[in-house]
Amino acid sequence: MTRITVDVNDEWLDAAREVLGTDTKVATINAALHAVALRRHAKEIVAAFDQVEMDFSGSIEAWRHGGGRDLSRLTEDARGAGAA
């Protein structure tokens, strides 16, 4: 772990503490850094999935016990939602 001294905007720190539910400045800063790292990792995962062509045709018939859902427009709908 690295120990640093840094000036931090108190309003931003308080807002982050409230959102993250942390009790101390150190915990708040570490939680905020962790959240940013997770967001980056999630973007990398989404980008990897975006490189794979998915075929959801026949998805209704693929599920057992009649519980299938039509996922044929899933990719198209997801791309449309991201553009909005």
PDB file of N, CA and C in Angstrom:
ATOM      1  N   MET A   1       0.849  -1.172   0.000  1.00  0.00           N
ATOM      2  CA  MET A   1       0.000   0.000   0.000  1.00  0.00           C
ATOM      3  C   MET A   1       0.896   1.236   0.000  1.00  0.00           C
ATOM      4  N   THR A   2       0.505   2.221  -0.764  1.00  0.00           N
ATOM      5  CA  THR A   2       1.245   3.470  -0.857  1.00  0.00           C
ATOM      6  C   THR A   2       0.652   4.496   0.089  1.00  0.00           C
ATOM      7  N   ARG A   3       1.499   5.208   0.776  1.00  0.00           N
ATOM      8  CA  ARG A   3       1.047   6.285   1.663  1.00  0.00           C
ATOM      9  C   ARG A   3       1.371   7.603   0.979  1.00  0.00           C
ATOM     10  N   ILE A   4       0.345   8.463   0.837  1.00  0.00           N
ATOM     11  CA  ILE A   4       0.534   9.758   0.179  1.00  0.00           C
ATOM     12  C   ILE A   4      -0.159  10.852   0.982  1.00  0.00           C
ATOM     13  N   THR A   5       0.276  12.065   0.752  1.00  0.00           N
ATOM     14  CA  THR A   5      -0.395  13.239   1.286  1.00  0.00           C
ATOM     15  C   THR A   5      -0.934  13.999   0.089  1.00  0.00           C
ATOM     16  N   VAL A   6      -2.220  14.305   0.138  1.00  0.00           N
ATOM     17  CA  VAL A   6      -2.851  14.945  -1.013  1.00  0.00           C
ATOM     18  C   VAL A   6      -3.947  15.886  -0.521  1.00  0.00           C
ATOM     19  N   ASP A   7      -4.098  16.994  -1.213  1.00  0.00           N
ATOM     20  CA  ASP A   7      -5.206  17.911  -0.931  1.00  0.00           C
ATOM     21  C   ASP A   7      -6.432  17.408  -1.678  1.00  0.00           C
ATOM     22  N   VAL A   8      -7.548  17.310  -0.951  1.00  0.00           N
ATOM     23  CA  VAL A   8      -8.780  16.778  -1.530  1.00  0.00           C
ATOM     24  C   VAL A   8      -9.892  17.788  -1.322  1.00  0.00           C
ATOM     25  N   ASN A   9     -10.728  17.957  -2.321  1.00  0.00           N
ATOM     26  CA  ASN A   9     -11.889  18.838  -2.220  1.00  0.00           C
ATOM     27  C   ASN A   9     -12.848  18.257  -1.181  1.00  0.00           C
ATOM     28  N   ASP A  10     -13.092  18.999  -0.111  1.00  0.00           N
ATOM     29  CA  ASP A  10     -13.917  18.505   0.993  1.00  0.00           C
ATOM     30  C   ASP A  10     -15.358  18.209   0.582  1.00  0.00           C
ATOM     31  N   GLU A  11     -15.925  19.023  -0.282  1.00  0.00           N
ATOM     32  CA  GLU A  11     -17.305  18.795  -0.728  1.00  0.00           C
ATOM     33  C   GLU A  11     -17.399  17.490  -1.509  1.00  0.00           C
ATOM     34  N   TRP A  12     -16.439  17.254  -2.391  1.00  0.00           N
ATOM     35  CA  TRP A  12     -16.433  16.022  -3.174  1.00  0.00           C
ATOM     36  C   TRP A  12     -16.225  14.817  -2.266  1.00  0.00           C
ATOM     37  N   LEU A  13     -15.345  14.963  -1.300  1.00  0.00           N
ATOM     38  CA  LEU A  13     -15.081  13.871  -0.368  1.00  0.00           C
ATOM     39  C   LEU A  13     -16.335  13.537   0.443  1.00  0.00           C
ATOM     40  N   ASP A  14     -17.013  14.560   0.931  1.00  0.00           N
ATOM     41  CA  ASP A  14     -18.250  14.336   1.683  1.00  0.00           C
ATOM     42  C   ASP A  14     -19.326  13.692   0.809  1.00  0.00           C
ATOM     43  N   ALA A  15     -19.442  14.154  -0.427  1.00  0.00           N
ATOM     44  CA  ALA A  15     -20.427  13.580  -1.346  1.00  0.00           C
ATOM     45  C   ALA A  15     -20.094  12.110  -1.629  1.00  0.00           C
ATOM     46  N   ALA A  16     -18.830  11.816  -1.855  1.00  0.00           N
ATOM     47  CA  ALA A  16     -18.415  10.435  -2.103  1.00  0.00           C
ATOM     48  C   ALA A  16     -18.664   9.570  -0.877  1.00  0.00           C
ATOM     49  N   ARG A  17     -18.377  10.103   0.292  1.00  0.00           N
ATOM     50  CA  ARG A  17     -18.595   9.349   1.536  1.00  0.00           C
ATOM     51  C   ARG A  17     -20.072   8.993   1.678  1.00  0.00           C
ATOM     52  N   GLU A  18     -20.937   9.940   1.352  1.00  0.00           N
ATOM     53  CA  GLU A  18     -22.375   9.696   1.449  1.00  0.00           C
ATOM     54  C   GLU A  18     -22.815   8.620   0.458  1.00  0.00           C
ATOM     55  N   VAL A  19     -22.352   8.714  -0.787  1.00  0.00           N
ATOM     56  CA  VAL A  19     -22.734   7.748  -1.817  1.00  0.00           C
ATOM     57  C   VAL A  19     -22.176   6.361  -1.506  1.00  0.00           C
ATOM     58  N   LEU A  20     -20.930   6.312  -1.072  1.00  0.00           N
ATOM     59  CA  LEU A  20     -20.261   5.032  -0.849  1.00  0.00           C
ATOM     60  C   LEU A  20     -20.566   4.423   0.517  1.00  0.00           C
ATOM     61  N   GLY A  21     -21.095   5.217   1.422  1.00  0.00           N
ATOM     62  CA  GLY A  21     -21.424   4.718   2.742  1.00  0.00           C
ATOM     63  C   GLY A  21     -20.208   4.404   3.601  1.00  0.00           C
ATOM     64  N   THR A  22     -19.137   5.153   3.399  1.00  0.00           N
ATOM     65  CA  THR A  22     -17.904   4.926   4.151  1.00  0.00           C
ATOM     66  C   THR A  22     -17.858   5.840   5.368  1.00  0.00           C
ATOM     67  N   ASP A  23     -16.989   5.466   6.329  1.00  0.00           N
ATOM     68  CA  ASP A  23     -16.927   6.210   7.591  1.00  0.00           C
ATOM     69  C   ASP A  23     -15.730   7.145   7.700  1.00  0.00           C
ATOM     70  N   THR A  24     -14.660   6.850   6.974  1.00  0.00           N
ATOM     71  CA  THR A  24     -13.447   7.641   7.117  1.00  0.00           C
ATOM     72  C   THR A  24     -12.998   8.174   5.763  1.00  0.00           C
ATOM     73  N   LYS A  25     -12.117   9.148   5.816  1.00  0.00           N
ATOM     74  CA  LYS A  25     -11.562   9.703   4.576  1.00  0.00           C
ATOM     75  C   LYS A  25     -10.786   8.646   3.813  1.00  0.00           C
ATOM     76  N   VAL A  26      -9.985   7.875   4.528  1.00  0.00           N
ATOM     77  CA  VAL A  26      -9.180   6.832   3.880  1.00  0.00           C
ATOM     78  C   VAL A  26     -10.078   5.799   3.208  1.00  0.00           C
ATOM     79  N   ALA A  27     -11.110   5.359   3.926  1.00  0.00           N
ATOM     80  CA  ALA A  27     -12.031   4.372   3.366  1.00  0.00           C
ATOM     81  C   ALA A  27     -12.756   4.933   2.146  1.00  0.00           C
ATOM     82  N   THR A  28     -13.121   6.205   2.211  1.00  0.00           N
ATOM     83  CA  THR A  28     -13.825   6.843   1.094  1.00  0.00           C
ATOM     84  C   THR A  28     -12.936   6.916  -0.136  1.00  0.00           C
ATOM     85  N   ILE A  29     -11.717   7.354   0.035  1.00  0.00           N
ATOM     86  CA  ILE A  29     -10.793   7.466  -1.097  1.00  0.00           C
ATOM     87  C   ILE A  29     -10.514   6.094  -1.690  1.00  0.00           C
ATOM     88  N   ASN A  30     -10.261   5.095  -0.837  1.00  0.00           N
ATOM     89  CA  ASN A  30     -10.003   3.744  -1.339  1.00  0.00           C
ATOM     90  C   ASN A  30     -11.221   3.167  -2.053  1.00  0.00           C
ATOM     91  N   ALA A  31     -12.420   3.391  -1.514  1.00  0.00           N
ATOM     92  CA  ALA A  31     -13.634   2.893  -2.153  1.00  0.00           C
ATOM     93  C   ALA A  31     -13.868   3.578  -3.498  1.00  0.00           C
ATOM     94  N   ALA A  32     -13.594   4.876  -3.566  1.00  0.00           N
ATOM     95  CA  ALA A  32     -13.767   5.600  -4.829  1.00  0.00           C
ATOM     96  C   ALA A  32     -12.778   5.101  -5.881  1.00  0.00           C
ATOM     97  N   LEU A  33     -11.537   4.889  -5.490  1.00  0.00           N
ATOM     98  CA  LEU A  33     -10.541   4.363  -6.422  1.00  0.00           C
ATOM     99  C   LEU A  33     -10.919   2.958  -6.881  1.00  0.00           C
ATOM    100  N   HIS A  34     -11.426   2.158  -5.959  1.00  0.00           N
ATOM    101  CA  HIS A  34     -11.857   0.804  -6.305  1.00  0.00           C
ATOM    102  C   HIS A  34     -13.018   0.844  -7.295  1.00  0.00           C
ATOM    103  N   ALA A  35     -13.969   1.740  -7.066  1.00  0.00           N
ATOM    104  CA  ALA A  35     -15.117   1.867  -7.966  1.00  0.00           C
ATOM    105  C   ALA A  35     -14.679   2.247  -9.377  1.00  0.00           C
ATOM    106  N   VAL A  36     -13.713   3.143  -9.480  1.00  0.00           N
ATOM    107  CA  VAL A  36     -13.211   3.548 -10.799  1.00  0.00           C
ATOM    108  C   VAL A  36     -12.513   2.375 -11.484  1.00  0.00           C
ATOM    109  N   ALA A  37     -11.725   1.625 -10.725  1.00  0.00           N
ATOM    110  CA  ALA A  37     -11.042   0.468 -11.289  1.00  0.00           C
ATOM    111  C   ALA A  37     -12.048  -0.580 -11.769  1.00  0.00           C
ATOM    112  N   LEU A  38     -13.108  -0.815 -10.983  1.00  0.00           N
ATOM    113  CA  LEU A  38     -14.143  -1.766 -11.393  1.00  0.00           C
ATOM    114  C   LEU A  38     -14.870  -1.305 -12.646  1.00  0.00           C
ATOM    115  N   ARG A  39     -15.134  -0.009 -12.729  1.00  0.00           N
ATOM    116  CA  ARG A  39     -15.802   0.537 -13.916  1.00  0.00           C
ATOM    117  C   ARG A  39     -14.954   0.295 -15.159  1.00  0.00           C
ATOM    118  N   ARG A  40     -13.653   0.519 -15.039  1.00  0.00           N
ATOM    119  CA  ARG A  40     -12.754   0.280 -16.175  1.00  0.00           C
ATOM    120  C   ARG A  40     -12.761  -1.194 -16.567  1.00  0.00           C
ATOM    121  N   HIS A  41     -12.717  -2.070 -15.578  1.00  0.00           N
ATOM    122  CA  HIS A  41     -12.733  -3.502 -15.840  1.00  0.00           C
ATOM    123  C   HIS A  41     -14.044  -3.906 -16.525  1.00  0.00           C
ATOM    124  N   ALA A  42     -15.154  -3.344 -16.069  1.00  0.00           N
ATOM    125  CA  ALA A  42     -16.452  -3.643 -16.678  1.00  0.00           C
ATOM    126  C   ALA A  42     -16.498  -3.185 -18.127  1.00  0.00           C
ATOM    127  N   LYS A  43     -15.926  -2.021 -18.410  1.00  0.00           N
ATOM    128  CA  LYS A  43     -15.882  -1.536 -19.796  1.00  0.00           C
ATOM    129  C   LYS A  43     -15.070  -2.473 -20.671  1.00  0.00           C
ATOM    130  N   GLU A  44     -13.980  -3.018 -20.138  1.00  0.00           N
ATOM    131  CA  GLU A  44     -13.160  -3.966 -20.893  1.00  0.00           C
ATOM    132  C   GLU A  44     -13.936  -5.257 -21.174  1.00  0.00           C
ATOM    133  N   ILE A  45     -14.715  -5.709 -20.200  1.00  0.00           N
ATOM    134  CA  ILE A  45     -15.522  -6.913 -20.391  1.00  0.00           C
ATOM    135  C   ILE A  45     -16.585  -6.676 -21.455  1.00  0.00           C
ATOM    136  N   VAL A  46     -17.268  -5.536 -21.367  1.00  0.00           N
ATOM    137  CA  VAL A  46     -18.293  -5.205 -22.361  1.00  0.00           C
ATOM    138  C   VAL A  46     -17.679  -5.104 -23.749  1.00  0.00           C
ATOM    139  N   ALA A  47     -16.501  -4.496 -23.849  1.00  0.00           N
ATOM    140  CA  ALA A  47     -15.830  -4.383 -25.146  1.00  0.00           C
ATOM    141  C   ALA A  47     -15.481  -5.760 -25.703  1.00  0.00           C
ATOM    142  N   ALA A  48     -15.075  -6.680 -24.830  1.00  0.00           N
ATOM    143  CA  ALA A  48     -14.764  -8.038 -25.277  1.00  0.00           C
ATOM    144  C   ALA A  48     -16.010  -8.736 -25.808  1.00  0.00           C
ATOM    145  N   PHE A  49     -17.137  -8.594 -25.104  1.00  0.00           N
ATOM    146  CA  PHE A  49     -18.381  -9.180 -25.580  1.00  0.00           C
ATOM    147  C   PHE A  49     -18.836  -8.541 -26.888  1.00  0.00           C
ATOM    148  N   ASP A  50     -18.531  -7.284 -27.057  1.00  0.00           N
ATOM    149  CA  ASP A  50     -18.928  -6.584 -28.277  1.00  0.00           C
ATOM    150  C   ASP A  50     -18.197  -7.133 -29.502  1.00  0.00           C
ATOM    151  N   GLN A  51     -17.090  -7.797 -29.288  1.00  0.00           N
ATOM    152  CA  GLN A  51     -16.311  -8.373 -30.384  1.00  0.00           C
ATOM    153  C   GLN A  51     -16.843  -9.735 -30.828  1.00  0.00           C
ATOM    154  N   VAL A  52     -17.778 -10.302 -30.066  1.00  0.00           N
ATOM    155  CA  VAL A  52     -18.294 -11.636 -30.345  1.00  0.00           C
ATOM    156  C   VAL A  52     -19.686 -11.519 -30.942  1.00  0.00           C
ATOM    157  N   GLU A  53     -19.895 -12.166 -32.065  1.00  0.00           N
ATOM    158  CA  GLU A  53     -21.220 -12.163 -32.693  1.00  0.00           C
ATOM    159  C   GLU A  53     -22.108 -13.170 -31.964  1.00  0.00           C
ATOM    160  N   MET A  54     -23.242 -12.724 -31.504  1.00  0.00           N
ATOM    161  CA  MET A  54     -24.164 -13.587 -30.784  1.00  0.00           C
ATOM    162  C   MET A  54     -25.355 -13.913 -31.675  1.00  0.00           C
ATOM    163  N   ASP A  55     -25.787 -15.160 -31.631  1.00  0.00           N
ATOM    164  CA  ASP A  55     -26.952 -15.583 -32.396  1.00  0.00           C
ATOM    165  C   ASP A  55     -28.019 -16.062 -31.425  1.00  0.00           C
ATOM    166  N   PHE A  56     -29.043 -15.270 -31.246  1.00  0.00           N
ATOM    167  CA  PHE A  56     -30.115 -15.611 -30.317  1.00  0.00           C
ATOM    168  C   PHE A  56     -31.344 -16.146 -31.043  1.00  0.00           C
ATOM    169  N   SER A  57     -31.230 -16.382 -32.349  1.00  0.00           N
ATOM    170  CA  SER A  57     -32.381 -16.912 -33.078  1.00  0.00           C
ATOM    171  C   SER A  57     -32.725 -18.295 -32.516  1.00  0.00           C
ATOM    172  N   GLY A  58     -33.989 -18.582 -32.436  1.00  0.00           N
ATOM    173  CA  GLY A  58     -34.435 -19.851 -31.884  1.00  0.00           C
ATOM    174  C   GLY A  58     -34.379 -19.905 -30.372  1.00  0.00           C
ATOM    175  N   SER A  59     -34.184 -18.767 -29.730  1.00  0.00           N
ATOM    176  CA  SER A  59     -34.049 -18.757 -28.273  1.00  0.00           C
ATOM    177  C   SER A  59     -35.327 -19.210 -27.564  1.00  0.00           C
ATOM    178  N   ILE A  60     -36.471 -18.956 -28.169  1.00  0.00           N
ATOM    179  CA  ILE A  60     -37.727 -19.368 -27.541  1.00  0.00           C
ATOM    180  C   ILE A  60     -37.784 -20.880 -27.425  1.00  0.00           C
ATOM    181  N   GLU A  61     -37.380 -21.573 -28.474  1.00  0.00           N
ATOM    182  CA  GLU A  61     -37.439 -23.027 -28.488  1.00  0.00           C
ATOM    183  C   GLU A  61     -36.301 -23.660 -27.679  1.00  0.00           C
ATOM    184  N   ALA A  62     -35.266 -22.911 -27.388  1.00  0.00           N
ATOM    185  CA  ALA A  62     -34.089 -23.477 -26.736  1.00  0.00           C
ATOM    186  C   ALA A  62     -34.282 -23.721 -25.243  1.00  0.00           C
ATOM    187  N   TRP A  63     -35.215 -23.053 -24.623  1.00  0.00           N
ATOM    188  CA  TRP A  63     -35.423 -23.183 -23.180  1.00  0.00           C
ATOM    189  C   TRP A  63     -36.406 -24.305 -22.891  1.00  0.00           C
ATOM    190  N   ARG A  64     -36.179 -24.992 -21.798  1.00  0.00           N
ATOM    191  CA  ARG A  64     -37.053 -26.101 -21.408  1.00  0.00           C
ATOM    192  C   ARG A  64     -38.296 -25.589 -20.686  1.00  0.00           C
ATOM    193  N   HIS A  65     -39.299 -26.426 -20.613  1.00  0.00           N
ATOM    194  CA  HIS A  65     -40.523 -26.189 -19.846  1.00  0.00           C
ATOM    195  C   HIS A  65     -41.282 -24.953 -20.329  1.00  0.00           C
ATOM    196  N   GLY A  66     -41.111 -24.573 -21.582  1.00  0.00           N
ATOM    197  CA  GLY A  66     -41.880 -23.471 -22.134  1.00  0.00           C
ATOM    198  C   GLY A  66     -41.557 -22.115 -21.548  1.00  0.00           C
ATOM    199  N   GLY A  67     -40.426 -21.989 -20.881  1.00  0.00           N
ATOM    200  CA  GLY A  67     -40.082 -20.720 -20.244  1.00  0.00           C
ATOM    201  C   GLY A  67     -39.161 -19.861 -21.072  1.00  0.00           C
ATOM    202  N   GLY A  68     -39.058 -20.161 -22.354  1.00  0.00           N
ATOM    203  CA  GLY A  68     -38.134 -19.429 -23.217  1.00  0.00           C
ATOM    204  C   GLY A  68     -38.558 -18.006 -23.466  1.00  0.00           C
ATOM    205  N   ARG A  69     -37.577 -17.196 -23.827  1.00  0.00           N
ATOM    206  CA  ARG A  69     -37.839 -15.799 -24.150  1.00  0.00           C
ATOM    207  C   ARG A  69     -37.225 -15.521 -25.502  1.00  0.00           C
ATOM    208  N   ASP A  70     -37.880 -14.691 -26.261  1.00  0.00           N
ATOM    209  CA  ASP A  70     -37.364 -14.325 -27.576  1.00  0.00           C
ATOM    210  C   ASP A  70     -36.237 -13.309 -27.398  1.00  0.00           C
ATOM    211  N   LEU A  71     -35.015 -13.758 -27.607  1.00  0.00           N
ATOM    212  CA  LEU A  71     -33.845 -12.901 -27.453  1.00  0.00           C
ATOM    213  C   LEU A  71     -33.270 -12.466 -28.802  1.00  0.00           C
ATOM    214  N   SER A  72     -34.014 -12.712 -29.861  1.00  0.00           N
ATOM    215  CA  SER A  72     -33.484 -12.449 -31.199  1.00  0.00           C
ATOM    216  C   SER A  72     -33.133 -10.977 -31.423  1.00  0.00           C
ATOM    217  N   ARG A  73     -33.764 -10.060 -30.701  1.00  0.00           N
ATOM    218  CA  ARG A  73     -33.477  -8.630 -30.881  1.00  0.00           C
ATOM    219  C   ARG A  73     -32.607  -8.078 -29.749  1.00  0.00           C
ATOM    220  N   LEU A  74     -32.105  -8.939 -28.890  1.00  0.00           N
ATOM    221  CA  LEU A  74     -31.362  -8.497 -27.716  1.00  0.00           C
ATOM    222  C   LEU A  74     -30.164  -7.628 -28.082  1.00  0.00           C
ATOM    223  N   THR A  75     -29.343  -8.096 -29.003  1.00  0.00           N
ATOM    224  CA  THR A  75     -28.147  -7.354 -29.390  1.00  0.00           C
ATOM    225  C   THR A  75     -28.523  -6.018 -30.013  1.00  0.00           C
ATOM    226  N   GLU A  76     -29.483  -6.049 -30.915  1.00  0.00           N
ATOM    227  CA  GLU A  76     -29.916  -4.813 -31.576  1.00  0.00           C
ATOM    228  C   GLU A  76     -30.493  -3.821 -30.568  1.00  0.00           C
ATOM    229  N   ASP A  77     -31.314  -4.312 -29.658  1.00  0.00           N
ATOM    230  CA  ASP A  77     -31.909  -3.444 -28.642  1.00  0.00           C
ATOM    231  C   ASP A  77     -30.837  -2.847 -27.721  1.00  0.00           C
ATOM    232  N   ALA A  78     -29.865  -3.662 -27.344  1.00  0.00           N
ATOM    233  CA  ALA A  78     -28.799  -3.185 -26.447  1.00  0.00           C
ATOM    234  C   ALA A  78     -27.981  -2.110 -27.129  1.00  0.00           C
ATOM    235  N   ARG A  79     -27.671  -2.301 -28.378  1.00  0.00           N
ATOM    236  CA  ARG A  79     -26.891  -1.285 -29.100  1.00  0.00           C
ATOM    237  C   ARG A  79     -27.696   0.008 -29.238  1.00  0.00           C
ATOM    238  N   GLY A  80     -29.005  -0.112 -29.435  1.00  0.00           N
ATOM    239  CA  GLY A  80     -29.869   1.059 -29.547  1.00  0.00           C
ATOM    240  C   GLY A  80     -29.971   1.807 -28.236  1.00  0.00           C
ATOM    241  N   ALA A  81     -30.002   1.086 -27.128  1.00  0.00           N
ATOM    242  CA  ALA A  81     -30.089   1.718 -25.812  1.00  0.00           C
ATOM    243  C   ALA A  81     -28.798   2.448 -25.490  1.00  0.00           C
ATOM    244  N   GLY A  82     -27.668   1.908 -25.913  1.00  0.00           N
ATOM    245  CA  GLY A  82     -26.383   2.560 -25.663  1.00  0.00           C
ATOM    246  C   GLY A  82     -26.217   3.834 -26.462  1.00  0.00           C
ATOM    247  N   ALA A  83     -26.877   3.913 -27.592  1.00  0.00           N
ATOM    248  CA  ALA A  83     -26.766   5.094 -28.439  1.00  0.00           C
ATOM    249  C   ALA A  83     -27.626   6.240 -27.938  1.00  0.00           C
ATOM    250  N   ALA A  84     -28.650   5.883 -27.158  1.00  0.00           N
ATOM    251  CA  ALA A  84     -29.596   6.915 -26.678  1.00  0.00           C
ATOM    252  C   ALA A  84     -29.050   7.698 -25.531  1.00  0.00           C
TER     253      ALA A  84
END
